[in-house]
Amino acid sequence: MSVPIVEASLHYFVIFCSKLGQKEGTEHEKILFFYPPTINIGEQTNSVGISEAYVLFTKQFSPNQPCEFIHTKKNTLALLNPEEDIWMVLSVNNPTGIIGKDNKREYIEDEVDDIILKKTIQQIYQTWQTFNGSIMSLVSKTSFENVRKRLESFIKPYIQQIQFDQLDLFTSLDGIKFLPLNKNIYLTIFGYINSVDLHFQSTLSSFRFGLVLYKDNLILSSLEQNETRILYNYLINMVKVGPDINSSNTMMVKNNSNNTPIWQTKGISRTGFMIQKDSLPMVWLGGKPQAMIVYEQKDTFLLFLIDPSDLPELLFEELSSSLVQNFEFVNLTLEQHYAKKANFDEQYKYIYFNQMNLAIRSPIKPRGPELNKETMKLLNEIHADFEGGLSSEIIVKTQQDRWIVAKKIDFREFYIMFDNKNSSILEINEEVKNATTKFFKFLFTD
């Protein structure tokens, strides 16, 4: 294979309701959302029909497990059935490259990773559900036409910011970075949070603490694991509250005057409430809406939740004063811990992931220069093997003479890369032993 390669790109994304459009000539009524709108309604309807046909056909062979992926020469599709009668289909154009002596451009059918597409389509629905509730519950309160308008205003900007040629192993793992702290500073922060909770809960029983972040690292959470993951993903990858805090490509949700969630660009403020009281977004956690309050104090971000009925009684000025008083000095201590972690991380190129607590640790930036196309593809394939239980340890040497060593033990995955092109496999194995013994001795045992 030789360059140039046309990278993977979005073909289309559709959300449809299978119980609509049952009469001939009304099939287009199934469509609740379709992107891009440049595809005509006839092709949109055909895409839905083909997806339904695949689902019905494959159901004969797997009645209890609906079809999740479709592979064609030109496209790779992921299907998700998040609610009864609701389907989402994400279709990605396979990359193309010059293959063979006749310089014919052909599709590279195995380049797009199934697990990455599955995770991407799940994140689309989870983000929608977090800020809007389920699709059918919204239909029951309003109408299908209202839901179509809401999907258009909410999902369209979300889809437009996804770089489909840049999705990588970090997308698949969807982990959370934790900041290691000593016991004293951890208990100090916990004590501050608890005092704020107790103070405001004395008059507003629904007020509660949610998350504390420092840059792109989680420090504390009172939420369930998946709720933590969703809101962490939103704050880090959409709002970009971590090291990319000054990025111009930020998106955050606020409620407009009609109490409908919309996307807007985050401002550059570094101290104060991210969104003011009259525009706070609602998040659906535990099946009920709660107002989400995010307060930033330099590089520390605190998230609180409160029932909408209690929100008018919450004094923002009092909450702000309490947070400034308690957290002003904490930033310096957290910066020191963050610097220590960064210093350690510079010694190796690795990715560590714990499936039990979703902890991910790596000095490698997602879509960073360390993850070239070949490395990214190999890491995705290794992760797929791990997910399928096909192997527990893999050593690979790439065409660019990079060594990749990957291990999976129980619920932990570890990937480490060496650019020692003249090293033998025995020498690389010894390097891995030294690294795991020195820095990860509690993670793996022979």
Protein backbone atom coordinates (compact mmCIF):
# COMPACT_ATOMS: atom_id res chain seq x y z
CA MET A 1 0.00 0.00 0.00
CA SER A 2 1.21 3.48 -0.77
CA VAL A 3 0.03 7.00 -0.13
CA PRO A 4 -2.06 9.03 -0.58
CA ILE A 5 -4.86 7.62 1.59
CA VAL A 6 -8.28 9.23 1.85
CA GLU A 7 -9.11 8.84 5.54
CA ALA A 8 -12.32 7.55 7.13
CA SER A 9 -15.16 10.08 7.23
CA LEU A 10 -18.80 10.29 8.20
CA HIS A 11 -21.19 8.86 5.62
CA TYR A 12 -24.39 9.45 7.58
CA PHE A 13 -25.95 9.26 11.05
CA VAL A 14 -29.64 8.52 11.47
CA ILE A 15 -32.07 8.11 14.37
CA PHE A 16 -35.38 6.48 13.50
CA CYS A 17 -38.47 5.05 15.19
CA SER A 18 -39.40 1.65 13.76
CA LYS A 19 -43.09 1.87 14.76
CA LEU A 20 -43.71 4.94 12.59
CA GLY A 21 -44.32 4.99 8.84
CA GLN A 22 -46.00 1.58 8.63
CA LYS A 23 -48.12 2.43 5.59
CA GLU A 24 -46.70 2.32 2.09
CA GLY A 25 -45.47 5.75 1.02
CA THR A 26 -45.02 6.98 4.60
CA GLU A 27 -41.71 5.19 5.36
CA HIS A 28 -39.91 8.56 5.57
CA GLU A 29 -41.90 9.33 8.74
CA LYS A 30 -39.69 6.86 10.63
CA ILE A 31 -36.79 9.34 10.46
CA LEU A 32 -36.37 11.48 13.57
CA PHE A 33 -32.94 12.86 12.71
CA PHE A 34 -30.61 12.52 9.73
CA TYR A 35 -27.19 14.01 9.07
CA PRO A 36 -25.94 15.29 6.69
CA PRO A 37 -29.09 17.00 5.38
CA THR A 38 -27.54 17.15 1.88
CA ILE A 39 -28.63 13.52 1.31
CA ASN A 40 -32.10 13.59 -0.25
CA ILE A 41 -35.11 12.15 1.58
CA GLY A 42 -35.33 9.17 -0.78
CA GLU A 43 -31.79 8.04 0.05
CA GLN A 44 -32.41 8.72 3.74
CA THR A 45 -35.47 6.46 3.67
CA ASN A 46 -33.55 3.76 1.77
CA SER A 47 -30.80 3.83 4.43
CA VAL A 48 -33.39 3.23 7.16
CA GLY A 49 -35.03 0.43 5.15
CA ILE A 50 -31.73 -1.34 4.54
CA SER A 51 -30.82 -1.10 8.23
CA GLU A 52 -34.18 -2.60 9.25
CA ALA A 53 -33.71 -5.38 6.70
CA TYR A 54 -30.28 -6.27 8.09
CA VAL A 55 -31.68 -6.34 11.64
CA LEU A 56 -34.60 -8.59 10.67
CA PHE A 57 -32.40 -10.93 8.62
CA THR A 58 -29.72 -11.36 11.30
CA LYS A 59 -32.38 -11.89 13.99
CA GLN A 60 -32.94 -15.36 12.54
CA PHE A 61 -29.43 -16.36 13.60
CA SER A 62 -29.27 -14.39 16.88
CA PRO A 63 -32.77 -13.74 18.27
CA ASN A 64 -31.54 -12.30 21.58
CA GLN A 65 -28.66 -10.21 20.25
CA PRO A 66 -29.58 -7.60 17.61
CA CYS A 67 -27.20 -6.79 14.77
CA GLU A 68 -24.53 -4.30 15.91
CA PHE A 69 -22.24 -3.94 12.87
CA ILE A 70 -22.53 -4.07 9.10
CA HIS A 71 -19.47 -4.21 6.85
CA THR A 72 -19.66 -3.37 3.16
CA LYS A 73 -16.96 -2.60 0.64
CA LYS A 74 -17.47 1.16 0.97
CA ASN A 75 -18.82 1.59 4.49
CA THR A 76 -18.72 0.33 8.06
CA LEU A 77 -21.93 0.74 10.07
CA ALA A 78 -22.66 0.56 13.79
CA LEU A 79 -26.25 0.05 15.00
CA LEU A 80 -27.65 0.81 18.45
CA ASN A 81 -31.09 0.06 19.86
CA PRO A 82 -31.01 2.24 23.03
CA GLU A 83 -34.79 2.31 23.60
CA GLU A 84 -37.72 0.23 22.47
CA ASP A 85 -38.53 1.12 18.83
CA ILE A 86 -35.63 3.62 18.66
CA TRP A 87 -32.60 2.85 16.48
CA MET A 88 -29.41 4.76 15.76
CA VAL A 89 -27.19 3.98 12.78
CA LEU A 90 -23.72 5.44 12.28
CA SER A 91 -22.22 4.86 8.83
CA VAL A 92 -18.58 5.71 8.15
CA ASN A 93 -16.88 5.82 4.75
CA ASN A 94 -14.02 3.33 4.67
CA PRO A 95 -10.61 4.83 3.80
CA THR A 96 -9.32 4.45 0.27
CA GLY A 97 -5.76 4.04 -0.94
CA ILE A 98 -3.67 3.20 -3.98
CA ILE A 99 -3.27 -0.57 -4.00
CA GLY A 100 -1.42 -2.77 -6.48
CA LYS A 101 0.73 -2.13 -9.51
CA ASP A 102 -2.06 -0.64 -11.62
CA ASN A 103 -2.41 2.28 -9.15
CA LYS A 104 -6.11 1.61 -8.76
CA ARG A 105 -7.78 3.33 -5.83
CA GLU A 106 -9.54 0.79 -3.64
CA TYR A 107 -11.36 0.72 -0.32
CA ILE A 108 -9.46 -0.41 2.77
CA GLU A 109 -12.22 -2.42 4.41
CA ASP A 110 -10.54 -3.43 7.68
CA GLU A 111 -9.32 0.03 8.73
CA VAL A 112 -12.39 1.21 10.70
CA ASP A 113 -12.59 -0.38 14.15
CA ASP A 114 -15.94 -1.84 15.30
CA ILE A 115 -15.34 -1.21 19.01
CA ILE A 116 -14.53 2.46 18.38
CA LEU A 117 -17.71 2.97 16.34
CA LYS A 118 -19.77 1.19 19.00
CA LYS A 119 -18.34 3.43 21.71
CA THR A 120 -18.90 6.55 19.57
CA ILE A 121 -22.57 5.82 18.92
CA GLN A 122 -23.09 4.96 22.61
CA GLN A 123 -21.56 8.30 23.61
CA ILE A 124 -23.88 10.15 21.22
CA TYR A 125 -26.94 8.60 22.87
CA GLN A 126 -25.60 8.95 26.42
CA THR A 127 -24.91 12.66 25.88
CA TRP A 128 -28.41 13.16 24.49
CA GLN A 129 -30.02 11.17 27.31
CA THR A 130 -28.03 13.00 30.00
CA PHE A 131 -29.23 16.46 28.93
CA ASN A 132 -32.66 15.57 27.48
CA GLY A 133 -33.90 12.33 29.01
CA SER A 134 -34.97 9.39 26.84
CA ILE A 135 -36.38 10.03 23.38
CA MET A 136 -39.68 8.23 23.98
CA SER A 137 -40.26 9.94 27.34
CA LEU A 138 -39.89 13.29 25.57
CA VAL A 139 -42.31 12.09 22.87
CA SER A 140 -44.87 11.21 25.57
CA LYS A 141 -44.63 14.74 27.00
CA THR A 142 -44.63 16.60 23.68
CA SER A 143 -44.74 15.10 20.17
CA PHE A 144 -42.58 13.42 17.54
CA GLU A 145 -42.35 16.73 15.69
CA ASN A 146 -41.02 18.48 18.78
CA VAL A 147 -38.48 15.67 19.29
CA ARG A 148 -37.30 16.03 15.68
CA LYS A 149 -36.63 19.74 16.25
CA ARG A 150 -34.83 19.04 19.52
CA LEU A 151 -32.66 16.31 18.01
CA GLU A 152 -31.76 18.67 15.16
CA SER A 153 -30.61 21.45 17.51
CA PHE A 154 -28.79 19.15 19.96
CA ILE A 155 -27.35 16.22 17.97
CA LYS A 156 -26.27 18.14 14.86
CA PRO A 157 -23.58 20.28 16.59
CA TYR A 158 -22.39 17.22 18.51
CA ILE A 159 -21.96 15.16 15.32
CA GLN A 160 -20.19 18.01 13.53
CA GLN A 161 -17.39 18.17 16.12
CA ILE A 162 -16.49 14.43 15.86
CA GLN A 163 -13.31 13.83 13.87
CA PHE A 164 -13.96 10.34 12.52
CA ASP A 165 -10.44 9.92 11.15
CA GLN A 166 -8.98 10.69 14.60
CA LEU A 167 -10.85 8.14 16.75
CA ASP A 168 -8.38 5.89 18.57
CA LEU A 169 -7.83 3.51 21.48
CA PHE A 170 -8.67 6.27 23.97
CA THR A 171 -12.14 6.44 22.38
CA SER A 172 -12.61 2.68 22.89
CA LEU A 173 -11.42 2.65 26.48
CA ASP A 174 -13.39 5.79 27.45
CA GLY A 175 -11.50 5.95 30.73
CA ILE A 176 -11.11 8.50 33.51
CA LYS A 177 -7.82 10.06 34.58
CA PHE A 178 -7.36 10.16 38.35
CA LEU A 179 -4.93 12.45 40.19
CA PRO A 180 -3.01 10.53 42.89
CA LEU A 181 -3.07 12.47 46.18
CA ASN A 182 -1.62 11.81 49.60
CA LYS A 183 -4.09 10.97 52.35
CA ASN A 184 -3.94 14.35 54.06
CA ILE A 185 -4.80 16.49 51.03
CA TYR A 186 -7.49 14.00 49.94
CA LEU A 187 -9.15 14.12 53.36
CA THR A 188 -8.84 17.92 53.41
CA ILE A 189 -10.69 18.23 50.10
CA PHE A 190 -13.26 15.67 51.21
CA GLY A 191 -13.80 17.63 54.42
CA TYR A 192 -14.30 20.91 52.52
CA ILE A 193 -16.82 19.32 50.17
CA ASN A 194 -18.66 17.70 53.05
CA SER A 195 -18.91 21.00 54.93
CA VAL A 196 -20.37 22.74 51.85
CA ASP A 197 -22.86 19.89 51.40
CA LEU A 198 -24.00 19.96 55.01
CA HIS A 199 -24.33 23.74 55.08
CA PHE A 200 -26.61 23.99 52.04
CA GLN A 201 -28.49 20.74 52.68
CA SER A 202 -29.73 22.19 55.98
CA THR A 203 -32.14 24.34 53.99
CA LEU A 204 -32.07 22.69 50.52
CA SER A 205 -32.22 18.92 50.96
CA SER A 206 -31.69 18.11 47.26
CA PHE A 207 -28.39 20.03 47.03
CA ARG A 208 -25.45 17.65 46.63
CA PHE A 209 -21.88 17.47 45.48
CA GLY A 210 -21.15 15.63 42.20
CA LEU A 211 -17.53 15.86 41.02
CA VAL A 212 -14.21 17.57 41.70
CA LEU A 213 -11.70 17.81 38.85
CA TYR A 214 -8.24 19.28 38.67
CA LYS A 215 -7.41 20.04 35.03
CA ASP A 216 -8.21 16.74 33.26
CA ASN A 217 -7.99 14.56 36.38
CA LEU A 218 -10.81 13.38 38.62
CA ILE A 219 -10.28 13.80 42.36
CA LEU A 220 -13.66 12.97 43.91
CA SER A 221 -17.07 11.77 42.75
CA SER A 222 -20.31 10.98 44.56
CA LEU A 223 -22.04 9.73 41.39
CA GLU A 224 -22.49 6.24 40.03
CA GLN A 225 -19.65 5.02 37.85
CA ASN A 226 -21.34 5.46 34.48
CA GLU A 227 -22.73 8.89 35.47
CA THR A 228 -19.21 9.92 36.46
CA ARG A 229 -17.84 8.70 33.14
CA ILE A 230 -20.46 10.56 31.09
CA LEU A 231 -20.05 13.90 32.89
CA TYR A 232 -16.25 13.55 32.96
CA ASN A 233 -16.26 12.88 29.21
CA TYR A 234 -18.50 15.92 28.67
CA LEU A 235 -16.33 18.28 30.75
CA ILE A 236 -12.98 17.08 29.37
CA ASN A 237 -13.77 16.39 25.71
CA MET A 238 -16.54 18.92 25.02
CA VAL A 239 -16.11 21.79 27.47
CA LYS A 240 -12.35 21.08 27.51
CA VAL A 241 -11.73 22.04 31.13
CA GLY A 242 -8.31 20.33 31.23
CA PRO A 243 -5.03 21.42 29.63
CA ASP A 244 -7.01 22.53 26.54
CA ILE A 245 -8.99 25.03 28.61
CA ASN A 246 -8.08 27.89 26.24
CA SER A 247 -9.11 25.94 23.15
CA SER A 248 -11.43 27.81 20.81
CA ASN A 249 -13.17 24.55 19.91
CA THR A 250 -15.20 24.31 23.14
CA MET A 251 -18.84 23.32 23.50
CA MET A 252 -21.02 23.35 26.58
CA VAL A 253 -24.73 22.92 27.22
CA LYS A 254 -26.95 25.64 28.66
CA ASN A 255 -30.72 26.05 28.76
CA ASN A 256 -32.30 28.75 26.62
CA SER A 257 -35.32 30.87 27.51
CA ASN A 258 -37.63 27.98 26.50
CA ASN A 259 -35.81 25.69 28.95
CA THR A 260 -34.37 23.71 26.05
CA PRO A 261 -30.71 22.56 26.07
CA ILE A 262 -28.51 24.22 23.44
CA TRP A 263 -24.77 24.26 22.71
CA GLN A 264 -22.62 27.36 23.08
CA THR A 265 -18.92 28.21 23.26
CA LYS A 266 -17.38 28.41 26.72
CA GLY A 267 -15.98 31.77 27.78
CA ILE A 268 -12.44 32.35 29.09
CA SER A 269 -13.37 32.98 32.73
CA ARG A 270 -11.16 31.10 35.18
CA THR A 271 -13.01 31.87 38.41
CA GLY A 272 -16.74 31.71 39.04
CA PHE A 273 -19.77 29.81 37.81
CA MET A 274 -19.43 28.42 34.30
CA ILE A 275 -23.12 29.07 33.59
CA GLN A 276 -25.32 31.49 35.47
CA LYS A 277 -28.37 30.49 37.49
CA ASP A 278 -31.03 31.33 34.91
CA SER A 279 -29.38 29.20 32.17
CA LEU A 280 -28.28 26.08 34.08
CA PRO A 281 -28.67 22.85 32.08
CA MET A 282 -30.68 19.94 33.44
CA VAL A 283 -29.06 16.51 33.61
CA TRP A 284 -31.04 13.29 33.90
CA LEU A 285 -29.41 11.17 36.60
CA GLY A 286 -31.27 8.33 38.24
CA GLY A 287 -34.25 8.99 35.99
CA LYS A 288 -34.98 12.52 37.17
CA PRO A 289 -33.78 15.96 36.06
CA GLN A 290 -31.36 17.92 38.23
CA ALA A 291 -29.81 21.34 37.65
CA MET A 292 -26.05 21.07 37.09
CA ILE A 293 -23.84 23.77 38.62
CA VAL A 294 -20.17 23.96 37.62
CA TYR A 295 -17.82 26.27 39.50
CA GLU A 296 -14.24 26.89 38.37
CA GLN A 297 -11.48 28.13 40.63
CA LYS A 298 -8.41 28.46 38.38
CA ASP A 299 -7.70 24.81 37.44
CA THR A 300 -10.10 23.21 39.93
CA PHE A 301 -13.64 22.43 38.79
CA LEU A 302 -16.49 21.55 41.15
CA LEU A 303 -19.84 20.17 40.03
CA PHE A 304 -22.97 20.31 42.17
CA LEU A 305 -26.53 19.11 41.57
CA ILE A 306 -29.86 20.37 42.87
CA ASP A 307 -33.52 19.66 42.20
CA PRO A 308 -35.03 22.33 39.89
CA SER A 309 -37.72 23.10 42.49
CA ASP A 310 -35.02 24.06 45.04
CA LEU A 311 -32.94 26.09 42.59
CA PRO A 312 -34.71 29.48 43.14
CA GLU A 313 -33.80 29.31 46.84
CA LEU A 314 -30.09 28.63 46.26
CA LEU A 315 -27.94 31.70 46.93
CA PHE A 316 -25.15 31.64 44.34
CA GLU A 317 -23.20 34.40 46.07
CA GLU A 318 -23.10 32.41 49.31
CA LEU A 319 -22.06 29.23 47.48
CA SER A 320 -19.31 31.12 45.62
CA SER A 321 -17.94 32.67 48.84
CA SER A 322 -17.86 29.28 50.52
CA LEU A 323 -15.96 27.68 47.62
CA VAL A 324 -13.44 30.51 47.28
CA GLN A 325 -12.73 30.40 51.02
CA ASN A 326 -12.17 26.63 51.04
CA PHE A 327 -10.43 26.00 47.72
CA GLU A 328 -8.19 29.01 47.13
CA PHE A 329 -5.13 27.40 48.70
CA VAL A 330 -5.90 23.89 47.37
CA ASN A 331 -4.91 24.79 43.79
CA LEU A 332 -1.23 25.17 44.70
CA THR A 333 -1.12 21.75 46.39
CA LEU A 334 -2.93 20.09 43.49
CA GLU A 335 -0.53 21.70 41.01
CA GLN A 336 2.39 20.10 42.88
CA HIS A 337 0.79 16.65 42.71
CA TYR A 338 -0.04 17.17 39.03
CA ALA A 339 3.58 18.12 38.27
CA LYS A 340 4.89 15.00 40.04
CA LYS A 341 2.58 12.81 37.98
CA ALA A 342 3.68 14.51 34.74
CA ASN A 343 7.36 14.03 35.62
CA PHE A 344 6.82 10.29 36.12
CA ASP A 345 4.78 9.97 32.94
CA GLU A 346 7.55 11.46 30.79
CA GLN A 347 9.73 8.38 31.30
CA TYR A 348 7.64 5.95 29.22
CA LYS A 349 5.09 5.90 26.40
CA TYR A 350 2.33 3.75 27.82
CA ILE A 351 -1.41 3.36 28.29
CA TYR A 352 -2.83 1.69 31.39
CA PHE A 353 -6.55 0.99 31.81
CA ASN A 354 -8.49 -0.59 34.67
CA GLN A 355 -11.95 -1.77 33.61
CA MET A 356 -13.20 -2.02 37.19
CA ASN A 357 -12.86 1.65 38.16
CA LEU A 358 -12.40 3.05 34.60
CA ALA A 359 -9.01 4.50 35.59
CA ILE A 360 -6.81 5.35 32.62
CA ARG A 361 -3.25 6.59 32.84
CA SER A 362 -1.01 7.65 29.99
CA PRO A 363 1.40 10.45 29.05
CA ILE A 364 0.23 10.06 25.45
CA LYS A 365 -2.29 12.63 24.29
CA PRO A 366 -5.28 11.31 22.34
CA ARG A 367 -4.65 11.97 18.64
CA GLY A 368 -1.12 13.03 19.61
CA PRO A 369 2.02 12.58 17.46
CA GLU A 370 2.96 9.36 19.28
CA LEU A 371 -0.12 7.65 17.81
CA ASN A 372 0.62 7.50 14.09
CA LYS A 373 -1.80 5.57 11.87
CA GLU A 374 0.09 2.29 12.07
CA THR A 375 0.42 2.41 15.87
CA MET A 376 -3.21 3.44 16.28
CA LYS A 377 -4.45 0.57 14.10
CA LEU A 378 -2.31 -1.99 15.93
CA LEU A 379 -3.47 -0.79 19.35
CA ASN A 380 -7.10 -1.02 18.22
CA GLU A 381 -6.57 -4.56 16.92
CA ILE A 382 -4.82 -5.66 20.12
CA HIS A 383 -7.63 -4.20 22.23
CA ALA A 384 -10.18 -6.06 20.09
CA ASP A 385 -8.26 -9.31 20.69
CA PHE A 386 -8.28 -8.62 24.42
CA GLU A 387 -12.02 -7.89 24.35
CA GLY A 388 -12.65 -11.13 22.49
CA GLY A 389 -10.50 -13.14 24.89
CA LEU A 390 -8.20 -14.21 22.07
CA SER A 391 -4.95 -13.37 23.87
CA SER A 392 -3.52 -11.90 27.06
CA GLU A 393 -0.03 -10.81 25.95
CA ILE A 394 1.14 -9.54 22.57
CA ILE A 395 4.50 -8.21 21.33
CA VAL A 396 4.65 -6.50 17.94
CA LYS A 397 7.34 -4.71 15.95
CA THR A 398 5.96 -2.13 13.53
CA GLN A 399 7.21 -1.22 10.06
CA GLN A 400 8.74 1.91 11.62
CA ASP A 401 10.74 -0.33 14.03
CA ARG A 402 8.62 0.58 17.04
CA TRP A 403 8.05 -2.15 19.61
CA ILE A 404 4.56 -2.45 21.15
CA VAL A 405 4.06 -4.70 24.15
CA ALA A 406 0.54 -5.27 25.46
CA LYS A 407 -0.71 -7.26 28.43
CA LYS A 408 -4.11 -8.01 29.88
CA ILE A 409 -4.48 -9.55 33.31
CA ASP A 410 -7.98 -9.89 34.71
CA PHE A 411 -9.59 -6.47 34.21
CA ARG A 412 -6.40 -4.48 33.57
CA GLU A 413 -4.83 -3.61 30.23
CA PHE A 414 -1.31 -2.27 29.75
CA TYR A 415 0.28 -1.05 26.50
CA ILE A 416 3.86 0.22 26.36
CA MET A 417 5.89 1.42 23.36
CA PHE A 418 9.63 1.51 22.73
CA ASP A 419 11.38 3.18 19.82
CA ASN A 420 14.59 1.11 20.28
CA LYS A 421 14.74 -0.18 16.72
CA ASN A 422 17.96 -2.17 17.23
CA SER A 423 16.74 -4.01 20.33
CA SER A 424 15.87 -7.71 20.24
CA ILE A 425 12.63 -9.14 21.56
CA LEU A 426 14.50 -10.43 24.62
CA GLU A 427 15.87 -6.96 25.36
CA ILE A 428 12.41 -5.41 24.95
CA ASN A 429 10.92 -8.01 27.26
CA GLU A 430 13.55 -7.10 29.85
CA GLU A 431 12.70 -3.40 29.45
CA VAL A 432 9.04 -4.18 30.11
CA LYS A 433 9.94 -6.15 33.24
CA ASN A 434 12.06 -3.27 34.52
CA ALA A 435 9.27 -0.74 33.89
CA THR A 436 6.52 -2.83 35.48
CA THR A 437 8.73 -3.77 38.44
CA LYS A 438 9.76 -0.18 39.11
CA PHE A 439 6.50 1.66 38.46
CA PHE A 440 3.70 -0.90 38.12
CA LYS A 441 4.67 -3.65 40.54
CA PHE A 442 1.22 -3.68 42.10
CA LEU A 443 -0.55 -4.00 38.76
CA PHE A 444 0.93 -7.19 37.31
CA THR A 445 2.32 -10.38 38.70
CA ASP A 446 3.99 -13.20 36.82
